[in-house]
Amino acid sequence: MLVRFRLEMDNLIVHGEHFDCVTIDFTQDVTREDVMGFSKKWITSRNFLTSRMNGLNKVGESALTIEKVEVEASYKD
């Protein structure tokens, strides 16, 4: 299934440089199990972002949105 991920982070430090806000928005083809596993890790891991993103030293607030993308079938005449 096609899923849209949107990660919003506020008050972060990357390689020693401060950023007020960073948004990462992407669409990926994943399975339902992938989404459930990712969601569980997001909820249960205290340092989920800093342990996975190179150079990310600190994040103030963050929010993750995951939503299924509906794809319309295209028809040929």
PDB file of N, CA and C in Angstrom:
ATOM      1  N   MET A   1       0.838  -1.177   0.000  1.00  0.00           N
ATOM      2  CA  MET A   1       0.000   0.000   0.000  1.00  0.00           C
ATOM      3  C   MET A   1       0.889   1.248   0.000  1.00  0.00           C
ATOM      4  N   LEU A   2       0.381   2.299  -0.579  1.00  0.00           N
ATOM      5  CA  LEU A   2       1.123   3.556  -0.650  1.00  0.00           C
ATOM      6  C   LEU A   2       0.785   4.393   0.576  1.00  0.00           C
ATOM      7  N   VAL A   3       1.835   4.829   1.290  1.00  0.00           N
ATOM      8  CA  VAL A   3       1.644   5.553   2.551  1.00  0.00           C
ATOM      9  C   VAL A   3       2.446   6.847   2.525  1.00  0.00           C
ATOM     10  N   ARG A   4       1.844   7.901   3.061  1.00  0.00           N
ATOM     11  CA  ARG A   4       2.525   9.187   3.194  1.00  0.00           C
ATOM     12  C   ARG A   4       2.980   9.340   4.638  1.00  0.00           C
ATOM     13  N   PHE A   5       4.268   9.643   4.797  1.00  0.00           N
ATOM     14  CA  PHE A   5       4.854   9.908   6.100  1.00  0.00           C
ATOM     15  C   PHE A   5       5.183  11.394   6.177  1.00  0.00           C
ATOM     16  N   ARG A   6       4.840  12.036   7.296  1.00  0.00           N
ATOM     17  CA  ARG A   6       5.175  13.441   7.515  1.00  0.00           C
ATOM     18  C   ARG A   6       5.739  13.568   8.922  1.00  0.00           C
ATOM     19  N   LEU A   7       7.019  13.928   8.991  1.00  0.00           N
ATOM     20  CA  LEU A   7       7.705  14.086  10.267  1.00  0.00           C
ATOM     21  C   LEU A   7       8.003  15.565  10.476  1.00  0.00           C
ATOM     22  N   GLU A   8       7.478  16.124  11.547  1.00  0.00           N
ATOM     23  CA  GLU A   8       7.714  17.529  11.892  1.00  0.00           C
ATOM     24  C   GLU A   8       8.518  17.570  13.186  1.00  0.00           C
ATOM     25  N   MET A   9       9.629  18.315  13.148  1.00  0.00           N
ATOM     26  CA  MET A   9      10.503  18.425  14.323  1.00  0.00           C
ATOM     27  C   MET A   9      10.749  19.900  14.624  1.00  0.00           C
ATOM     28  N   ASP A  10      10.656  20.274  15.878  1.00  0.00           N
ATOM     29  CA  ASP A  10      10.891  21.644  16.325  1.00  0.00           C
ATOM     30  C   ASP A  10      12.094  21.689  17.252  1.00  0.00           C
ATOM     31  N   ASN A  11      12.788  22.847  17.225  1.00  0.00           N
ATOM     32  CA  ASN A  11      13.889  23.107  18.146  1.00  0.00           C
ATOM     33  C   ASN A  11      14.916  21.975  18.131  1.00  0.00           C
ATOM     34  N   LEU A  12      15.525  21.756  16.951  1.00  0.00           N
ATOM     35  CA  LEU A  12      16.477  20.669  16.849  1.00  0.00           C
ATOM     36  C   LEU A  12      17.894  21.159  16.577  1.00  0.00           C
ATOM     37  N   ILE A  13      18.843  20.303  16.911  1.00  0.00           N
ATOM     38  CA  ILE A  13      20.260  20.594  16.685  1.00  0.00           C
ATOM     39  C   ILE A  13      20.824  19.475  15.814  1.00  0.00           C
ATOM     40  N   VAL A  14      21.384  19.869  14.651  1.00  0.00           N
ATOM     41  CA  VAL A  14      21.977  18.928  13.700  1.00  0.00           C
ATOM     42  C   VAL A  14      23.419  19.356  13.467  1.00  0.00           C
ATOM     43  N   HIS A  15      24.353  18.462  13.770  1.00  0.00           N
ATOM     44  CA  HIS A  15      25.786  18.766  13.646  1.00  0.00           C
ATOM     45  C   HIS A  15      26.131  20.097  14.317  1.00  0.00           C
ATOM     46  N   GLY A  16      25.533  20.352  15.474  1.00  0.00           N
ATOM     47  CA  GLY A  16      25.823  21.551  16.248  1.00  0.00           C
ATOM     48  C   GLY A  16      25.093  22.799  15.802  1.00  0.00           C
ATOM     49  N   GLU A  17      24.304  22.724  14.736  1.00  0.00           N
ATOM     50  CA  GLU A  17      23.581  23.897  14.229  1.00  0.00           C
ATOM     51  C   GLU A  17      22.104  23.816  14.631  1.00  0.00           C
ATOM     52  N   HIS A  18      21.557  24.932  15.137  1.00  0.00           N
ATOM     53  CA  HIS A  18      20.170  24.982  15.613  1.00  0.00           C
ATOM     54  C   HIS A  18      19.206  25.276  14.461  1.00  0.00           C
ATOM     55  N   PHE A  19      18.072  24.555  14.444  1.00  0.00           N
ATOM     56  CA  PHE A  19      16.993  24.785  13.485  1.00  0.00           C
ATOM     57  C   PHE A  19      15.697  24.920  14.260  1.00  0.00           C
ATOM     58  N   ASP A  20      14.896  25.933  13.914  1.00  0.00           N
ATOM     59  CA  ASP A  20      13.606  26.117  14.579  1.00  0.00           C
ATOM     60  C   ASP A  20      12.631  24.999  14.226  1.00  0.00           C
ATOM     61  N   CYS A  21      12.569  24.647  12.928  1.00  0.00           N
ATOM     62  CA  CYS A  21      11.594  23.660  12.478  1.00  0.00           C
ATOM     63  C   CYS A  21      12.095  22.970  11.209  1.00  0.00           C
ATOM     64  N   VAL A  22      11.937  21.656  11.153  1.00  0.00           N
ATOM     65  CA  VAL A  22      12.250  20.879   9.958  1.00  0.00           C
ATOM     66  C   VAL A  22      11.092  19.920   9.714  1.00  0.00           C
ATOM     67  N   THR A  23      10.656  19.832   8.449  1.00  0.00           N
ATOM     68  CA  THR A  23       9.605  18.903   8.066  1.00  0.00           C
ATOM     69  C   THR A  23      10.129  17.984   6.974  1.00  0.00           C
ATOM     70  N   ILE A  24       9.932  16.705   7.165  1.00  0.00           N
ATOM     71  CA  ILE A  24      10.278  15.704   6.159  1.00  0.00           C
ATOM     72  C   ILE A  24       8.975  15.038   5.752  1.00  0.00           C
ATOM     73  N   ASP A  25       8.682  15.089   4.453  1.00  0.00           N
ATOM     74  CA  ASP A  25       7.412  14.592   3.931  1.00  0.00           C
ATOM     75  C   ASP A  25       7.717  13.703   2.733  1.00  0.00           C
ATOM     76  N   PHE A  26       7.322  12.423   2.810  1.00  0.00           N
ATOM     77  CA  PHE A  26       7.583  11.530   1.685  1.00  0.00           C
ATOM     78  C   PHE A  26       6.519  10.446   1.598  1.00  0.00           C
ATOM     79  N   THR A  27       6.416   9.843   0.414  1.00  0.00           N
ATOM     80  CA  THR A  27       5.475   8.763   0.163  1.00  0.00           C
ATOM     81  C   THR A  27       6.263   7.509  -0.161  1.00  0.00           C
ATOM     82  N   GLN A  28       5.810   6.367   0.384  1.00  0.00           N
ATOM     83  CA  GLN A  28       6.541   5.117   0.181  1.00  0.00           C
ATOM     84  C   GLN A  28       5.552   3.958   0.099  1.00  0.00           C
ATOM     85  N   ASP A  29       5.905   2.962  -0.691  1.00  0.00           N
ATOM     86  CA  ASP A  29       5.112   1.746  -0.793  1.00  0.00           C
ATOM     87  C   ASP A  29       5.580   0.792   0.309  1.00  0.00           C
ATOM     88  N   VAL A  30       4.706   0.486   1.263  1.00  0.00           N
ATOM     89  CA  VAL A  30       5.050  -0.367   2.403  1.00  0.00           C
ATOM     90  C   VAL A  30       3.912  -1.337   2.686  1.00  0.00           C
ATOM     91  N   THR A  31       4.213  -2.326   3.503  1.00  0.00           N
ATOM     92  CA  THR A  31       3.168  -3.255   3.929  1.00  0.00           C
ATOM     93  C   THR A  31       2.522  -2.740   5.214  1.00  0.00           C
ATOM     94  N   ARG A  32       1.387  -3.286   5.538  1.00  0.00           N
ATOM     95  CA  ARG A  32       0.702  -2.924   6.789  1.00  0.00           C
ATOM     96  C   ARG A  32       1.590  -3.273   7.989  1.00  0.00           C
ATOM     97  N   GLU A  33       2.287  -4.398   7.902  1.00  0.00           N
ATOM     98  CA  GLU A  33       3.170  -4.825   8.980  1.00  0.00           C
ATOM     99  C   GLU A  33       4.319  -3.832   9.176  1.00  0.00           C
ATOM    100  N   ASP A  34       4.854  -3.303   8.068  1.00  0.00           N
ATOM    101  CA  ASP A  34       5.907  -2.288   8.155  1.00  0.00           C
ATOM    102  C   ASP A  34       5.405  -1.058   8.918  1.00  0.00           C
ATOM    103  N   VAL A  35       4.205  -0.618   8.583  1.00  0.00           N
ATOM    104  CA  VAL A  35       3.623   0.567   9.233  1.00  0.00           C
ATOM    105  C   VAL A  35       3.403   0.304  10.717  1.00  0.00           C
ATOM    106  N   MET A  36       2.884  -0.862  11.049  1.00  0.00           N
ATOM    107  CA  MET A  36       2.633  -1.191  12.455  1.00  0.00           C
ATOM    108  C   MET A  36       3.942  -1.270  13.238  1.00  0.00           C
ATOM    109  N   GLY A  37       4.967  -1.875  12.653  1.00  0.00           N
ATOM    110  CA  GLY A  37       6.262  -1.977  13.319  1.00  0.00           C
ATOM    111  C   GLY A  37       6.898  -0.617  13.528  1.00  0.00           C
ATOM    112  N   PHE A  38       6.831   0.220  12.497  1.00  0.00           N
ATOM    113  CA  PHE A  38       7.393   1.568  12.588  1.00  0.00           C
ATOM    114  C   PHE A  38       6.659   2.386  13.650  1.00  0.00           C
ATOM    115  N   SER A  39       5.337   2.297  13.656  1.00  0.00           N
ATOM    116  CA  SER A  39       4.524   3.030  14.634  1.00  0.00           C
ATOM    117  C   SER A  39       4.853   2.603  16.058  1.00  0.00           C
ATOM    118  N   LYS A  40       5.006   1.296  16.263  1.00  0.00           N
ATOM    119  CA  LYS A  40       5.319   0.786  17.593  1.00  0.00           C
ATOM    120  C   LYS A  40       6.679   1.307  18.074  1.00  0.00           C
ATOM    121  N   LYS A  41       7.684   1.285  17.187  1.00  0.00           N
ATOM    122  CA  LYS A  41       9.008   1.790  17.549  1.00  0.00           C
ATOM    123  C   LYS A  41       8.945   3.276  17.876  1.00  0.00           C
ATOM    124  N   TRP A  42       8.166   4.037  17.102  1.00  0.00           N
ATOM    125  CA  TRP A  42       8.022   5.480  17.320  1.00  0.00           C
ATOM    126  C   TRP A  42       7.471   5.744  18.717  1.00  0.00           C
ATOM    127  N   ILE A  43       6.474   4.993  19.102  1.00  0.00           N
ATOM    128  CA  ILE A  43       5.790   5.204  20.380  1.00  0.00           C
ATOM    129  C   ILE A  43       6.642   4.748  21.567  1.00  0.00           C
ATOM    130  N   THR A  44       7.364   3.644  21.423  1.00  0.00           N
ATOM    131  CA  THR A  44       8.047   3.047  22.572  1.00  0.00           C
ATOM    132  C   THR A  44       9.510   3.459  22.736  1.00  0.00           C
ATOM    133  N   SER A  45      10.139   4.025  21.727  1.00  0.00           N
ATOM    134  CA  SER A  45      11.564   4.379  21.808  1.00  0.00           C
ATOM    135  C   SER A  45      11.739   5.837  22.213  1.00  0.00           C
ATOM    136  N   ARG A  46      12.392   6.050  23.319  1.00  0.00           N
ATOM    137  CA  ARG A  46      12.605   7.413  23.827  1.00  0.00           C
ATOM    138  C   ARG A  46      13.471   8.245  22.880  1.00  0.00           C
ATOM    139  N   ASN A  47      14.518   7.658  22.342  1.00  0.00           N
ATOM    140  CA  ASN A  47      15.435   8.369  21.450  1.00  0.00           C
ATOM    141  C   ASN A  47      15.300   7.882  20.013  1.00  0.00           C
ATOM    142  N   PHE A  48      14.086   7.687  19.564  1.00  0.00           N
ATOM    143  CA  PHE A  48      13.831   7.123  18.239  1.00  0.00           C
ATOM    144  C   PHE A  48      14.534   7.908  17.134  1.00  0.00           C
ATOM    145  N   LEU A  49      14.406   9.221  17.113  1.00  0.00           N
ATOM    146  CA  LEU A  49      14.975  10.029  16.037  1.00  0.00           C
ATOM    147  C   LEU A  49      16.487  10.166  16.140  1.00  0.00           C
ATOM    148  N   THR A  50      16.985  10.518  17.315  1.00  0.00           N
ATOM    149  CA  THR A  50      18.422  10.755  17.447  1.00  0.00           C
ATOM    150  C   THR A  50      19.232   9.475  17.249  1.00  0.00           C
ATOM    151  N   SER A  51      18.633   8.328  17.492  1.00  0.00           N
ATOM    152  CA  SER A  51      19.357   7.075  17.291  1.00  0.00           C
ATOM    153  C   SER A  51      19.366   6.644  15.825  1.00  0.00           C
ATOM    154  N   ARG A  52      18.530   7.245  14.987  1.00  0.00           N
ATOM    155  CA  ARG A  52      18.418   6.834  13.593  1.00  0.00           C
ATOM    156  C   ARG A  52      18.885   7.875  12.576  1.00  0.00           C
ATOM    157  N   MET A  53      19.009   9.105  12.982  1.00  0.00           N
ATOM    158  CA  MET A  53      19.354  10.181  12.042  1.00  0.00           C
ATOM    159  C   MET A  53      20.765  10.689  12.329  1.00  0.00           C
ATOM    160  N   ASN A  54      21.671  10.474  11.396  1.00  0.00           N
ATOM    161  CA  ASN A  54      23.059  10.908  11.554  1.00  0.00           C
ATOM    162  C   ASN A  54      23.141  12.417  11.752  1.00  0.00           C
ATOM    163  N   GLY A  55      23.868  12.830  12.773  1.00  0.00           N
ATOM    164  CA  GLY A  55      24.084  14.249  13.025  1.00  0.00           C
ATOM    165  C   GLY A  55      23.009  14.914  13.864  1.00  0.00           C
ATOM    166  N   LEU A  56      21.895  14.239  14.085  1.00  0.00           N
ATOM    167  CA  LEU A  56      20.820  14.816  14.898  1.00  0.00           C
ATOM    168  C   LEU A  56      21.178  14.630  16.366  1.00  0.00           C
ATOM    169  N   ASN A  57      21.427  15.749  17.052  1.00  0.00           N
ATOM    170  CA  ASN A  57      21.848  15.699  18.448  1.00  0.00           C
ATOM    171  C   ASN A  57      20.701  15.904  19.429  1.00  0.00           C
ATOM    172  N   LYS A  58      19.694  16.706  19.030  1.00  0.00           N
ATOM    173  CA  LYS A  58      18.614  17.048  19.962  1.00  0.00           C
ATOM    174  C   LYS A  58      17.365  17.413  19.175  1.00  0.00           C
ATOM    175  N   VAL A  59      16.202  17.010  19.711  1.00  0.00           N
ATOM    176  CA  VAL A  59      14.907  17.399  19.144  1.00  0.00           C
ATOM    177  C   VAL A  59      14.034  17.839  20.295  1.00  0.00           C
ATOM    178  N   GLY A  60      13.438  19.030  20.171  1.00  0.00           N
ATOM    179  CA  GLY A  60      12.521  19.514  21.203  1.00  0.00           C
ATOM    180  C   GLY A  60      11.204  18.762  21.139  1.00  0.00           C
ATOM    181  N   GLU A  61      10.396  19.085  20.171  1.00  0.00           N
ATOM    182  CA  GLU A  61       9.101  18.434  19.959  1.00  0.00           C
ATOM    183  C   GLU A  61       9.105  17.804  18.574  1.00  0.00           C
ATOM    184  N   SER A  62       8.355  16.704  18.428  1.00  0.00           N
ATOM    185  CA  SER A  62       8.240  16.080  17.118  1.00  0.00           C
ATOM    186  C   SER A  62       6.867  15.440  16.977  1.00  0.00           C
ATOM    187  N   ALA A  63       6.427  15.341  15.724  1.00  0.00           N
ATOM    188  CA  ALA A  63       5.140  14.709  15.432  1.00  0.00           C
ATOM    189  C   ALA A  63       5.276  13.906  14.149  1.00  0.00           C
ATOM    190  N   LEU A  64       4.725  12.719  14.156  1.00  0.00           N
ATOM    191  CA  LEU A  64       4.754  11.852  12.988  1.00  0.00           C
ATOM    192  C   LEU A  64       3.322  11.570  12.556  1.00  0.00           C
ATOM    193  N   THR A  65       3.036  11.818  11.288  1.00  0.00           N
ATOM    194  CA  THR A  65       1.734  11.512  10.707  1.00  0.00           C
ATOM    195  C   THR A  65       1.938  10.433   9.650  1.00  0.00           C
ATOM    196  N   ILE A  66       1.129   9.388   9.712  1.00  0.00           N
ATOM    197  CA  ILE A  66       1.168   8.314   8.729  1.00  0.00           C
ATOM    198  C   ILE A  66      -0.241   8.165   8.173  1.00  0.00           C
ATOM    199  N   GLU A  67      -0.366   8.286   6.850  1.00  0.00           N
ATOM    200  CA  GLU A  67      -1.698   8.143   6.253  1.00  0.00           C
ATOM    201  C   GLU A  67      -1.617   7.392   4.935  1.00  0.00           C
ATOM    202  N   LYS A  68      -2.606   6.557   4.704  1.00  0.00           N
ATOM    203  CA  LYS A  68      -2.681   5.787   3.470  1.00  0.00           C
ATOM    204  C   LYS A  68      -3.051   6.726   2.324  1.00  0.00           C
ATOM    205  N   VAL A  69      -2.394   6.540   1.189  1.00  0.00           N
ATOM    206  CA  VAL A  69      -2.670   7.353   0.010  1.00  0.00           C
ATOM    207  C   VAL A  69      -3.570   6.541  -0.911  1.00  0.00           C
ATOM    208  N   GLU A  70      -4.707   7.115  -1.233  1.00  0.00           N
ATOM    209  CA  GLU A  70      -5.626   6.457  -2.154  1.00  0.00           C
ATOM    210  C   GLU A  70      -5.155   6.725  -3.574  1.00  0.00           C
ATOM    211  N   VAL A  71      -4.987   5.666  -4.349  1.00  0.00           N
ATOM    212  CA  VAL A  71      -4.524   5.789  -5.725  1.00  0.00           C
ATOM    213  C   VAL A  71      -5.684   5.463  -6.647  1.00  0.00           C
ATOM    214  N   GLU A  72      -5.990   6.404  -7.540  1.00  0.00           N
ATOM    215  CA  GLU A  72      -7.063   6.189  -8.499  1.00  0.00           C
ATOM    216  C   GLU A  72      -6.547   5.362  -9.663  1.00  0.00           C
ATOM    217  N   ALA A  73      -7.349   4.429 -10.096  1.00  0.00           N
ATOM    218  CA  ALA A  73      -6.977   3.632 -11.275  1.00  0.00           C
ATOM    219  C   ALA A  73      -7.162   4.475 -12.524  1.00  0.00           C
ATOM    220  N   SER A  74      -6.218   4.399 -13.430  1.00  0.00           N
ATOM    221  CA  SER A  74      -6.356   5.129 -14.688  1.00  0.00           C
ATOM    222  C   SER A  74      -6.780   4.150 -15.769  1.00  0.00           C
ATOM    223  N   TYR A  75      -7.716   4.578 -16.565  1.00  0.00           N
ATOM    224  CA  TYR A  75      -8.271   3.716 -17.602  1.00  0.00           C
ATOM    225  C   TYR A  75      -7.868   4.206 -18.969  1.00  0.00           C
ATOM    226  N   LYS A  76      -7.582   3.256 -19.859  1.00  0.00           N
ATOM    227  CA  LYS A  76      -7.248   3.594 -21.235  1.00  0.00           C
ATOM    228  C   LYS A  76      -8.503   3.504 -22.079  1.00  0.00           C
ATOM    229  N   ASP A  77      -8.622   4.405 -23.029  1.00  0.00           N
ATOM    230  CA  ASP A  77      -9.777   4.377 -23.945  1.00  0.00           C
ATOM    231  C   ASP A  77      -9.627   3.295 -24.987  1.00  0.00           C
TER     232      ASP A  77
END
